[in-house]
Amino acid sequence: KTLEEPSSRTIIVLVADEPARLPATIRSRCQRFEIKLPGQAEACAWLEHSGLDARLARLVLEASLGNPGLALQASKEGALELKAGCQSDLRALGHGRAQVLHIAESWVADRPDERLWHAAVIAREESERLAKGGVGELGLQAGTGIAELAAWFAAANRARQLLSSQVRGDLVLLDLLHTWPSSRRS
């Protein structure tokens, strides 16, 4: 009720990372202000001022898609190592050197939401490499690999949402990882 009929002296700051998911009745009463991420140089300078060396600042900023707040948090939580592990798992999966069940079990046991975040970022980065032509770091080929990675990226983000529901996380991850593009099919 407060959002629908605030008093004349009330200012409400509503923060939403997905404003399209807010009801239209709420959105119609809002003034929208988008807060953009700082540029890479500014974000790296802030991270360095926060105590990270320049190389680590650049790496965690890249892994956090340019978000310096996430990058700082990631630097403290071993995110680069976690991302490297995810990349290794996906590479092995794509080359047929790993079993989906084993990877799903290990991911669900250790920070599954973060692993899915990194996996989605890895899929995005791989598709960007493929879009430039040639073979990506995970062994996928340009052409069919991009479409598969785009679909997988979307599925990974849906899976992240499912992890916060009553659905069993191991089944969510098992279903998703079964669809990881194979370099043998590309």
N, C-alpha and C. Protein backbone atom coordinates (compact mmCIF):
# COMPACT_ATOMS: atom_id res chain seq x y z
N LYS A 1 0.83 -1.20 0.00
CA LYS A 1 0.00 0.00 0.00
C LYS A 1 0.87 1.26 0.00
N THR A 2 1.97 1.22 0.72
CA THR A 2 2.87 2.38 0.79
C THR A 2 3.40 2.73 -0.59
N LEU A 3 3.73 1.73 -1.39
CA LEU A 3 4.24 1.99 -2.73
C LEU A 3 3.16 2.54 -3.65
N GLU A 4 1.93 2.09 -3.46
CA GLU A 4 0.85 2.53 -4.34
C GLU A 4 0.37 3.94 -4.03
N GLU A 5 0.36 4.30 -2.76
CA GLU A 5 -0.16 5.61 -2.37
C GLU A 5 0.73 6.25 -1.30
N PRO A 6 1.95 6.63 -1.65
CA PRO A 6 2.82 7.25 -0.64
C PRO A 6 2.32 8.66 -0.31
N SER A 7 2.65 9.12 0.87
CA SER A 7 2.27 10.49 1.23
C SER A 7 3.06 11.46 0.36
N SER A 8 2.63 12.69 0.31
CA SER A 8 3.26 13.68 -0.57
C SER A 8 4.70 13.98 -0.18
N ARG A 9 5.08 13.72 1.05
CA ARG A 9 6.43 14.02 1.52
C ARG A 9 7.33 12.78 1.56
N THR A 10 6.88 11.71 0.99
CA THR A 10 7.62 10.45 1.05
C THR A 10 8.43 10.23 -0.23
N ILE A 11 9.65 9.84 -0.04
CA ILE A 11 10.50 9.42 -1.16
C ILE A 11 10.93 8.00 -0.86
N ILE A 12 10.68 7.12 -1.79
CA ILE A 12 11.05 5.72 -1.63
C ILE A 12 12.09 5.40 -2.70
N VAL A 13 13.18 4.83 -2.28
CA VAL A 13 14.21 4.40 -3.23
C VAL A 13 14.06 2.89 -3.38
N LEU A 14 13.72 2.48 -4.56
CA LEU A 14 13.52 1.07 -4.86
C LEU A 14 14.65 0.63 -5.77
N VAL A 15 15.40 -0.35 -5.34
CA VAL A 15 16.54 -0.84 -6.12
C VAL A 15 16.16 -2.21 -6.68
N ALA A 16 16.32 -2.36 -7.98
CA ALA A 16 15.98 -3.64 -8.62
C ALA A 16 16.99 -3.93 -9.72
N ASP A 17 17.56 -5.12 -9.68
CA ASP A 17 18.48 -5.48 -10.76
C ASP A 17 17.73 -6.03 -11.96
N GLU A 18 16.46 -6.36 -11.79
CA GLU A 18 15.62 -6.80 -12.90
C GLU A 18 14.29 -6.05 -12.84
N PRO A 19 14.29 -4.76 -13.19
CA PRO A 19 13.07 -3.97 -13.06
C PRO A 19 11.91 -4.49 -13.89
N ALA A 20 12.18 -5.18 -14.96
CA ALA A 20 11.09 -5.72 -15.79
C ALA A 20 10.25 -6.74 -15.03
N ARG A 21 10.81 -7.31 -13.96
CA ARG A 21 10.07 -8.29 -13.18
C ARG A 21 9.15 -7.64 -12.15
N LEU A 22 9.28 -6.33 -11.97
CA LEU A 22 8.38 -5.63 -11.05
C LEU A 22 7.01 -5.50 -11.71
N PRO A 23 5.95 -5.52 -10.93
CA PRO A 23 4.61 -5.34 -11.51
C PRO A 23 4.51 -3.99 -12.23
N ALA A 24 3.76 -3.97 -13.30
CA ALA A 24 3.59 -2.74 -14.09
C ALA A 24 3.03 -1.61 -13.24
N THR A 25 2.19 -1.93 -12.27
CA THR A 25 1.61 -0.89 -11.41
C THR A 25 2.68 -0.20 -10.57
N ILE A 26 3.72 -0.92 -10.23
CA ILE A 26 4.83 -0.32 -9.47
C ILE A 26 5.73 0.46 -10.42
N ARG A 27 6.09 -0.16 -11.54
CA ARG A 27 6.99 0.51 -12.50
C ARG A 27 6.40 1.83 -12.99
N SER A 28 5.09 1.89 -13.14
CA SER A 28 4.47 3.12 -13.67
C SER A 28 4.57 4.28 -12.69
N ARG A 29 4.83 4.01 -11.43
CA ARG A 29 4.94 5.06 -10.42
C ARG A 29 6.39 5.45 -10.12
N CYS A 30 7.31 4.87 -10.85
CA CYS A 30 8.73 5.07 -10.56
C CYS A 30 9.40 5.98 -11.58
N GLN A 31 10.40 6.69 -11.11
CA GLN A 31 11.33 7.37 -11.99
C GLN A 31 12.55 6.46 -12.06
N ARG A 32 13.01 6.20 -13.25
CA ARG A 32 14.10 5.24 -13.41
C ARG A 32 15.44 5.95 -13.51
N PHE A 33 16.38 5.50 -12.69
CA PHE A 33 17.76 5.98 -12.74
C PHE A 33 18.65 4.75 -12.88
N GLU A 34 19.38 4.69 -13.97
CA GLU A 34 20.29 3.57 -14.16
C GLU A 34 21.66 3.97 -13.65
N ILE A 35 22.23 3.10 -12.86
CA ILE A 35 23.58 3.33 -12.35
C ILE A 35 24.51 2.41 -13.12
N LYS A 36 25.36 3.00 -13.89
CA LYS A 36 26.27 2.24 -14.74
C LYS A 36 27.53 1.86 -13.97
N LEU A 37 28.15 0.78 -14.41
CA LEU A 37 29.43 0.38 -13.83
C LEU A 37 30.50 1.37 -14.27
N PRO A 38 31.50 1.57 -13.43
CA PRO A 38 32.60 2.47 -13.85
C PRO A 38 33.41 1.81 -14.96
N GLY A 39 34.20 2.61 -15.65
CA GLY A 39 35.08 2.08 -16.68
C GLY A 39 36.15 1.19 -16.06
N GLN A 40 36.80 0.39 -16.90
CA GLN A 40 37.79 -0.56 -16.41
C GLN A 40 38.93 0.13 -15.66
N ALA A 41 39.44 1.22 -16.19
CA ALA A 41 40.56 1.91 -15.55
C ALA A 41 40.16 2.43 -14.16
N GLU A 42 38.98 3.03 -14.08
CA GLU A 42 38.51 3.55 -12.79
C GLU A 42 38.26 2.42 -11.80
N ALA A 43 37.66 1.33 -12.27
CA ALA A 43 37.38 0.19 -11.40
C ALA A 43 38.68 -0.46 -10.92
N CYS A 44 39.65 -0.61 -11.81
CA CYS A 44 40.94 -1.18 -11.41
C CYS A 44 41.65 -0.29 -10.39
N ALA A 45 41.58 1.01 -10.60
CA ALA A 45 42.20 1.95 -9.65
C ALA A 45 41.55 1.81 -8.28
N TRP A 46 40.24 1.69 -8.25
CA TRP A 46 39.53 1.51 -6.98
C TRP A 46 39.93 0.21 -6.30
N LEU A 47 40.02 -0.86 -7.10
CA LEU A 47 40.43 -2.16 -6.54
C LEU A 47 41.86 -2.10 -6.00
N GLU A 48 42.73 -1.42 -6.72
CA GLU A 48 44.11 -1.28 -6.25
C GLU A 48 44.14 -0.46 -4.96
N HIS A 49 43.33 0.59 -4.91
CA HIS A 49 43.24 1.41 -3.69
C HIS A 49 42.69 0.57 -2.53
N SER A 50 41.89 -0.45 -2.85
CA SER A 50 41.32 -1.33 -1.83
C SER A 50 42.29 -2.43 -1.41
N GLY A 51 43.50 -2.43 -2.01
CA GLY A 51 44.52 -3.36 -1.56
C GLY A 51 44.91 -4.46 -2.53
N LEU A 52 44.32 -4.51 -3.70
CA LEU A 52 44.68 -5.56 -4.66
C LEU A 52 45.82 -5.07 -5.54
N ASP A 53 46.69 -6.00 -5.94
CA ASP A 53 47.72 -5.59 -6.89
C ASP A 53 47.08 -5.46 -8.27
N ALA A 54 47.74 -4.76 -9.16
CA ALA A 54 47.16 -4.40 -10.46
C ALA A 54 46.74 -5.63 -11.27
N ARG A 55 47.57 -6.67 -11.28
CA ARG A 55 47.27 -7.87 -12.07
C ARG A 55 46.01 -8.57 -11.53
N LEU A 56 45.96 -8.75 -10.21
CA LEU A 56 44.80 -9.40 -9.60
C LEU A 56 43.55 -8.55 -9.80
N ALA A 57 43.68 -7.24 -9.67
CA ALA A 57 42.54 -6.35 -9.87
C ALA A 57 41.95 -6.54 -11.27
N ARG A 58 42.81 -6.59 -12.28
CA ARG A 58 42.35 -6.76 -13.66
C ARG A 58 41.67 -8.11 -13.85
N LEU A 59 42.26 -9.17 -13.28
CA LEU A 59 41.71 -10.51 -13.45
C LEU A 59 40.35 -10.68 -12.76
N VAL A 60 40.25 -10.23 -11.52
CA VAL A 60 38.96 -10.40 -10.82
C VAL A 60 37.90 -9.47 -11.40
N LEU A 61 38.31 -8.32 -11.90
CA LEU A 61 37.35 -7.42 -12.54
C LEU A 61 36.79 -8.07 -13.81
N GLU A 62 37.66 -8.69 -14.58
CA GLU A 62 37.22 -9.39 -15.79
C GLU A 62 36.29 -10.56 -15.43
N ALA A 63 36.65 -11.31 -14.41
CA ALA A 63 35.84 -12.46 -13.99
C ALA A 63 34.49 -12.03 -13.42
N SER A 64 34.41 -10.78 -12.96
CA SER A 64 33.18 -10.26 -12.36
C SER A 64 32.41 -9.37 -13.34
N LEU A 65 32.73 -9.49 -14.62
CA LEU A 65 32.05 -8.76 -15.69
C LEU A 65 32.05 -7.25 -15.46
N GLY A 66 33.17 -6.74 -14.93
CA GLY A 66 33.33 -5.30 -14.78
C GLY A 66 32.75 -4.70 -13.52
N ASN A 67 32.18 -5.51 -12.65
CA ASN A 67 31.57 -5.00 -11.42
C ASN A 67 32.63 -4.97 -10.31
N PRO A 68 33.11 -3.78 -9.92
CA PRO A 68 34.20 -3.72 -8.95
C PRO A 68 33.81 -4.25 -7.56
N GLY A 69 32.57 -4.07 -7.15
CA GLY A 69 32.14 -4.60 -5.86
C GLY A 69 32.20 -6.12 -5.84
N LEU A 70 31.70 -6.74 -6.90
CA LEU A 70 31.78 -8.19 -7.00
C LEU A 70 33.24 -8.64 -7.11
N ALA A 71 34.04 -7.86 -7.81
CA ALA A 71 35.45 -8.22 -7.99
C ALA A 71 36.18 -8.22 -6.65
N LEU A 72 35.93 -7.22 -5.83
CA LEU A 72 36.58 -7.17 -4.52
C LEU A 72 36.15 -8.35 -3.66
N GLN A 73 34.87 -8.63 -3.67
CA GLN A 73 34.36 -9.79 -2.92
C GLN A 73 34.97 -11.08 -3.46
N ALA A 74 35.03 -11.19 -4.78
CA ALA A 74 35.57 -12.39 -5.42
C ALA A 74 37.03 -12.60 -5.06
N SER A 75 37.78 -11.51 -4.95
CA SER A 75 39.20 -11.63 -4.63
C SER A 75 39.41 -12.22 -3.23
N LYS A 76 38.45 -11.99 -2.36
CA LYS A 76 38.56 -12.48 -0.99
C LYS A 76 38.04 -13.91 -0.83
N GLU A 77 37.29 -14.38 -1.82
CA GLU A 77 36.64 -15.69 -1.69
C GLU A 77 37.21 -16.75 -2.63
N GLY A 78 38.33 -16.47 -3.27
CA GLY A 78 38.94 -17.46 -4.15
C GLY A 78 38.17 -17.70 -5.43
N ALA A 79 37.55 -16.66 -5.94
CA ALA A 79 36.72 -16.81 -7.13
C ALA A 79 37.51 -17.20 -8.37
N LEU A 80 38.74 -16.70 -8.50
CA LEU A 80 39.52 -17.04 -9.69
C LEU A 80 39.84 -18.53 -9.72
N GLU A 81 40.14 -19.08 -8.57
CA GLU A 81 40.41 -20.52 -8.49
C GLU A 81 39.15 -21.32 -8.79
N LEU A 82 38.02 -20.84 -8.27
CA LEU A 82 36.75 -21.51 -8.52
C LEU A 82 36.41 -21.47 -10.01
N LYS A 83 36.62 -20.31 -10.63
CA LYS A 83 36.35 -20.19 -12.07
C LYS A 83 37.26 -21.12 -12.86
N ALA A 84 38.54 -21.17 -12.49
CA ALA A 84 39.48 -22.06 -13.19
C ALA A 84 39.04 -23.51 -13.06
N GLY A 85 38.56 -23.89 -11.90
CA GLY A 85 38.06 -25.25 -11.71
C GLY A 85 36.84 -25.53 -12.57
N CYS A 86 35.95 -24.56 -12.66
CA CYS A 86 34.76 -24.72 -13.51
C CYS A 86 35.17 -24.85 -14.97
N GLN A 87 36.12 -24.03 -15.38
CA GLN A 87 36.59 -24.08 -16.77
C GLN A 87 37.22 -25.44 -17.07
N SER A 88 37.99 -25.95 -16.14
CA SER A 88 38.61 -27.26 -16.31
C SER A 88 37.54 -28.35 -16.41
N ASP A 89 36.53 -28.27 -15.54
CA ASP A 89 35.43 -29.24 -15.58
C ASP A 89 34.70 -29.19 -16.92
N LEU A 90 34.39 -27.99 -17.39
CA LEU A 90 33.65 -27.85 -18.65
C LEU A 90 34.49 -28.31 -19.84
N ARG A 91 35.78 -28.03 -19.79
CA ARG A 91 36.67 -28.50 -20.86
C ARG A 91 36.69 -30.03 -20.89
N ALA A 92 36.85 -30.65 -19.73
CA ALA A 92 36.87 -32.11 -19.65
C ALA A 92 35.53 -32.69 -20.10
N LEU A 93 34.47 -32.05 -19.72
CA LEU A 93 33.13 -32.51 -20.11
C LEU A 93 32.96 -32.43 -21.63
N GLY A 94 33.38 -31.31 -22.20
CA GLY A 94 33.26 -31.12 -23.64
C GLY A 94 34.09 -32.08 -24.46
N HIS A 95 35.21 -32.52 -23.89
CA HIS A 95 36.09 -33.46 -24.58
C HIS A 95 35.77 -34.91 -24.23
N GLY A 96 34.75 -35.12 -23.42
CA GLY A 96 34.36 -36.48 -23.06
C GLY A 96 35.28 -37.14 -22.05
N ARG A 97 36.04 -36.33 -21.31
CA ARG A 97 36.98 -36.88 -20.33
C ARG A 97 36.45 -36.84 -18.90
N ALA A 98 35.20 -36.47 -18.74
CA ALA A 98 34.61 -36.40 -17.40
C ALA A 98 33.16 -36.86 -17.46
N GLN A 99 32.68 -37.34 -16.33
CA GLN A 99 31.29 -37.77 -16.26
C GLN A 99 30.45 -36.65 -15.67
N VAL A 100 29.32 -36.42 -16.29
CA VAL A 100 28.42 -35.35 -15.87
C VAL A 100 28.03 -35.51 -14.40
N LEU A 101 27.74 -36.73 -13.99
CA LEU A 101 27.31 -36.97 -12.61
C LEU A 101 28.37 -36.54 -11.61
N HIS A 102 29.62 -36.86 -11.87
CA HIS A 102 30.69 -36.49 -10.93
C HIS A 102 30.83 -34.97 -10.82
N ILE A 103 30.75 -34.29 -11.95
CA ILE A 103 30.86 -32.83 -11.92
C ILE A 103 29.66 -32.22 -11.21
N ALA A 104 28.47 -32.71 -11.51
CA ALA A 104 27.26 -32.19 -10.86
C ALA A 104 27.34 -32.38 -9.34
N GLU A 105 27.80 -33.53 -8.91
CA GLU A 105 27.92 -33.80 -7.47
C GLU A 105 28.93 -32.87 -6.82
N SER A 106 30.06 -32.65 -7.48
CA SER A 106 31.07 -31.77 -6.88
C SER A 106 30.60 -30.32 -6.87
N TRP A 107 29.90 -29.90 -7.91
CA TRP A 107 29.41 -28.52 -7.95
C TRP A 107 28.34 -28.27 -6.91
N VAL A 108 27.43 -29.21 -6.74
CA VAL A 108 26.34 -28.99 -5.77
C VAL A 108 26.88 -29.00 -4.34
N ALA A 109 28.01 -29.66 -4.12
CA ALA A 109 28.59 -29.75 -2.78
C ALA A 109 29.38 -28.50 -2.39
N ASP A 110 29.76 -27.68 -3.36
CA ASP A 110 30.63 -26.54 -3.06
C ASP A 110 30.23 -25.32 -3.87
N ARG A 111 29.49 -24.43 -3.27
CA ARG A 111 29.10 -23.14 -3.86
C ARG A 111 28.47 -23.28 -5.25
N PRO A 112 27.38 -24.01 -5.37
CA PRO A 112 26.79 -24.24 -6.69
C PRO A 112 26.35 -22.97 -7.41
N ASP A 113 25.81 -22.00 -6.68
CA ASP A 113 25.37 -20.76 -7.33
C ASP A 113 26.55 -20.02 -7.94
N GLU A 114 27.65 -19.95 -7.20
CA GLU A 114 28.84 -19.27 -7.72
C GLU A 114 29.42 -20.03 -8.91
N ARG A 115 29.39 -21.36 -8.83
CA ARG A 115 29.90 -22.15 -9.95
C ARG A 115 29.06 -21.91 -11.21
N LEU A 116 27.75 -21.82 -11.04
CA LEU A 116 26.90 -21.54 -12.20
C LEU A 116 27.16 -20.15 -12.75
N TRP A 117 27.40 -19.19 -11.87
CA TRP A 117 27.74 -17.84 -12.32
C TRP A 117 28.99 -17.91 -13.20
N HIS A 118 30.03 -18.56 -12.68
CA HIS A 118 31.28 -18.66 -13.44
C HIS A 118 31.09 -19.44 -14.73
N ALA A 119 30.31 -20.50 -14.67
CA ALA A 119 30.07 -21.30 -15.88
C ALA A 119 29.37 -20.47 -16.95
N ALA A 120 28.41 -19.65 -16.53
CA ALA A 120 27.73 -18.78 -17.49
C ALA A 120 28.70 -17.76 -18.08
N VAL A 121 29.57 -17.21 -17.24
CA VAL A 121 30.58 -16.26 -17.72
C VAL A 121 31.53 -16.96 -18.69
N ILE A 122 31.92 -18.18 -18.37
CA ILE A 122 32.81 -18.96 -19.24
C ILE A 122 32.14 -19.20 -20.59
N ALA A 123 30.86 -19.54 -20.58
CA ALA A 123 30.13 -19.76 -21.83
C ALA A 123 30.08 -18.47 -22.64
N ARG A 124 29.86 -17.36 -21.97
CA ARG A 124 29.83 -16.06 -22.65
C ARG A 124 31.19 -15.73 -23.26
N GLU A 125 32.25 -15.92 -22.48
CA GLU A 125 33.59 -15.63 -22.98
C GLU A 125 33.95 -16.54 -24.16
N GLU A 126 33.58 -17.79 -24.06
CA GLU A 126 33.87 -18.74 -25.15
C GLU A 126 33.12 -18.35 -26.42
N SER A 127 31.86 -17.92 -26.27
CA SER A 127 31.11 -17.52 -27.46
C SER A 127 31.71 -16.26 -28.08
N GLU A 128 32.23 -15.36 -27.25
CA GLU A 128 32.89 -14.16 -27.79
C GLU A 128 34.14 -14.55 -28.58
N ARG A 129 34.90 -15.52 -28.07
CA ARG A 129 36.09 -15.99 -28.80
C ARG A 129 35.68 -16.64 -30.12
N LEU A 130 34.63 -17.44 -30.08
CA LEU A 130 34.17 -18.12 -31.30
C LEU A 130 33.64 -17.12 -32.32
N ALA A 131 33.01 -16.06 -31.83
CA ALA A 131 32.47 -15.05 -32.74
C ALA A 131 33.58 -14.36 -33.53
N LYS A 132 34.77 -14.35 -32.96
CA LYS A 132 35.92 -13.75 -33.66
C LYS A 132 36.52 -14.73 -34.66
N GLY A 133 35.99 -15.95 -34.69
CA GLY A 133 36.47 -16.96 -35.62
C GLY A 133 37.46 -17.91 -34.97
N GLY A 134 37.49 -19.11 -35.49
CA GLY A 134 38.46 -20.07 -34.99
C GLY A 134 37.94 -20.94 -33.87
N VAL A 135 38.87 -21.48 -33.12
CA VAL A 135 38.57 -22.41 -32.04
C VAL A 135 38.66 -21.69 -30.71
N GLY A 136 37.71 -21.93 -29.85
CA GLY A 136 37.74 -21.33 -28.52
C GLY A 136 38.69 -22.08 -27.60
N GLU A 137 38.87 -21.56 -26.42
CA GLU A 137 39.76 -22.19 -25.44
C GLU A 137 39.27 -23.55 -24.98
N LEU A 138 37.98 -23.78 -25.09
CA LEU A 138 37.41 -25.05 -24.64
C LEU A 138 37.31 -26.07 -25.77
N GLY A 139 37.85 -25.73 -26.93
CA GLY A 139 37.89 -26.67 -28.04
C GLY A 139 36.67 -26.65 -28.94
N LEU A 140 35.74 -25.73 -28.70
CA LEU A 140 34.56 -25.65 -29.55
C LEU A 140 34.90 -24.91 -30.83
N GLN A 141 34.15 -25.21 -31.89
CA GLN A 141 34.39 -24.60 -33.19
C GLN A 141 33.40 -23.47 -33.44
N ALA A 142 33.84 -22.48 -34.21
CA ALA A 142 32.94 -21.39 -34.60
C ALA A 142 31.78 -21.99 -35.40
N GLY A 143 30.67 -21.33 -35.40
CA GLY A 143 29.49 -21.82 -36.13
C GLY A 143 28.48 -22.38 -35.15
N THR A 144 28.41 -23.69 -35.07
CA THR A 144 27.40 -24.31 -34.20
C THR A 144 27.67 -24.03 -32.73
N GLY A 145 28.92 -23.84 -32.36
CA GLY A 145 29.26 -23.62 -30.96
C GLY A 145 28.63 -22.38 -30.36
N ILE A 146 28.51 -21.32 -31.13
CA ILE A 146 27.97 -20.06 -30.61
C ILE A 146 26.50 -20.23 -30.23
N ALA A 147 25.72 -20.83 -31.09
CA ALA A 147 24.29 -21.02 -30.78
C ALA A 147 24.11 -21.93 -29.57
N GLU A 148 24.91 -22.98 -29.49
CA GLU A 148 24.82 -23.89 -28.34
C GLU A 148 25.21 -23.18 -27.05
N LEU A 149 26.25 -22.37 -27.12
CA LEU A 149 26.69 -21.65 -25.92
C LEU A 149 25.68 -20.60 -25.49
N ALA A 150 25.04 -19.95 -26.44
CA ALA A 150 24.01 -18.96 -26.10
C ALA A 150 22.85 -19.64 -25.37
N ALA A 151 22.43 -20.78 -25.87
CA ALA A 151 21.35 -21.52 -25.22
C ALA A 151 21.79 -22.00 -23.84
N TRP A 152 23.03 -22.45 -23.74
CA TRP A 152 23.53 -22.95 -22.47
C TRP A 152 23.65 -21.82 -21.45
N PHE A 153 24.09 -20.65 -21.90
CA PHE A 153 24.20 -19.47 -21.03
C PHE A 153 22.83 -19.16 -20.41
N ALA A 154 21.80 -19.13 -21.24
CA ALA A 154 20.45 -18.85 -20.74
C ALA A 154 19.99 -19.94 -19.77
N ALA A 155 20.29 -21.19 -20.10
CA ALA A 155 19.90 -22.30 -19.23
C ALA A 155 20.64 -22.23 -17.90
N ALA A 156 21.90 -21.83 -17.92
CA ALA A 156 22.68 -21.72 -16.68
C ALA A 156 22.08 -20.66 -15.76
N ASN A 157 21.64 -19.57 -16.34
CA ASN A 157 21.02 -18.52 -15.52
C ASN A 157 19.67 -18.96 -14.97
N ARG A 158 18.92 -19.72 -15.75
CA ARG A 158 17.66 -20.28 -15.22
C ARG A 158 17.96 -21.27 -14.10
N ALA A 159 19.01 -22.06 -14.28
CA ALA A 159 19.39 -23.04 -13.25
C ALA A 159 19.78 -22.34 -11.95
N ARG A 160 20.44 -21.20 -12.05
CA ARG A 160 20.80 -20.44 -10.84
C ARG A 160 19.55 -20.05 -10.07
N GLN A 161 18.51 -19.66 -10.80
CA GLN A 161 17.25 -19.31 -10.13
C GLN A 161 16.62 -20.54 -9.49
N LEU A 162 16.71 -21.68 -10.16
CA LEU A 162 16.13 -22.90 -9.62
C LEU A 162 16.83 -23.36 -8.34
N LEU A 163 18.11 -23.06 -8.22
CA LEU A 163 18.85 -23.48 -7.03
C LEU A 163 18.27 -22.87 -5.75
N SER A 164 17.62 -21.73 -5.88
CA SER A 164 17.03 -21.10 -4.68
C SER A 164 15.60 -21.58 -4.43
N SER A 165 15.15 -22.55 -5.22
CA SER A 165 13.80 -23.08 -5.03
C SER A 165 13.88 -24.43 -4.31
N GLN A 166 12.77 -25.13 -4.30
CA GLN A 166 12.71 -26.43 -3.64
C GLN A 166 13.23 -27.58 -4.51
N VAL A 167 13.59 -27.27 -5.74
CA VAL A 167 14.09 -28.30 -6.65
C VAL A 167 15.47 -28.76 -6.18
N ARG A 168 15.73 -30.05 -6.29
CA ARG A 168 17.02 -30.59 -5.87
C ARG A 168 18.14 -30.03 -6.76
N GLY A 169 19.14 -29.44 -6.12
CA GLY A 169 20.24 -28.83 -6.83
C GLY A 169 21.03 -29.81 -7.69
N ASP A 170 21.20 -31.04 -7.20
CA ASP A 170 21.96 -32.01 -7.98
C ASP A 170 21.26 -32.34 -9.29
N LEU A 171 19.94 -32.37 -9.26
CA LEU A 171 19.20 -32.66 -10.49
C LEU A 171 19.24 -31.47 -11.46
N VAL A 172 19.19 -30.27 -10.90
CA VAL A 172 19.29 -29.07 -11.74
C VAL A 172 20.64 -29.06 -12.46
N LEU A 173 21.71 -29.30 -11.71
CA LEU A 173 23.05 -29.28 -12.29
C LEU A 173 23.25 -30.43 -13.27
N LEU A 174 22.75 -31.58 -12.93
CA LEU A 174 22.87 -32.74 -13.81
C LEU A 174 22.20 -32.46 -15.15
N ASP A 175 20.99 -31.92 -15.09
CA ASP A 175 20.26 -31.59 -16.32
C ASP A 175 21.01 -30.55 -17.15
N LEU A 176 21.51 -29.53 -16.49
CA LEU A 176 22.23 -28.47 -17.21
C LEU A 176 23.54 -28.98 -17.81
N LEU A 177 24.33 -29.67 -17.03
CA LEU A 177 25.64 -30.12 -17.50
C LEU A 177 25.53 -31.13 -18.64
N HIS A 178 24.42 -31.85 -18.70
CA HIS A 178 24.20 -32.78 -19.83
C HIS A 178 24.13 -32.04 -21.16
N THR A 179 23.79 -30.76 -21.10
CA THR A 179 23.63 -30.00 -22.35
C THR A 179 24.87 -29.20 -22.72
N TRP A 180 25.96 -29.32 -21.95
CA TRP A 180 27.18 -28.58 -22.29
C TRP A 180 27.66 -29.02 -23.68
N PRO A 181 27.95 -28.06 -24.56
CA PRO A 181 28.38 -28.41 -25.92
C PRO A 181 29.64 -29.27 -25.92
N SER A 182 29.65 -30.24 -26.78
CA SER A 182 30.79 -31.14 -26.90
C SER A 182 31.66 -30.74 -28.07
N SER A 183 32.96 -30.70 -27.86
CA SER A 183 33.88 -30.39 -28.95
C SER A 183 33.90 -31.52 -29.97
N ARG A 184 33.46 -32.70 -29.55
CA ARG A 184 33.45 -33.84 -30.47
C ARG A 184 32.29 -33.75 -31.45
N ARG A 185 31.22 -33.01 -31.08
CA ARG A 185 30.07 -32.86 -31.98
C ARG A 185 30.21 -31.65 -32.88
N SER A 186 31.02 -30.66 -32.45
CA SER A 186 31.10 -29.39 -33.18
C SER A 186 31.72 -29.55 -34.54
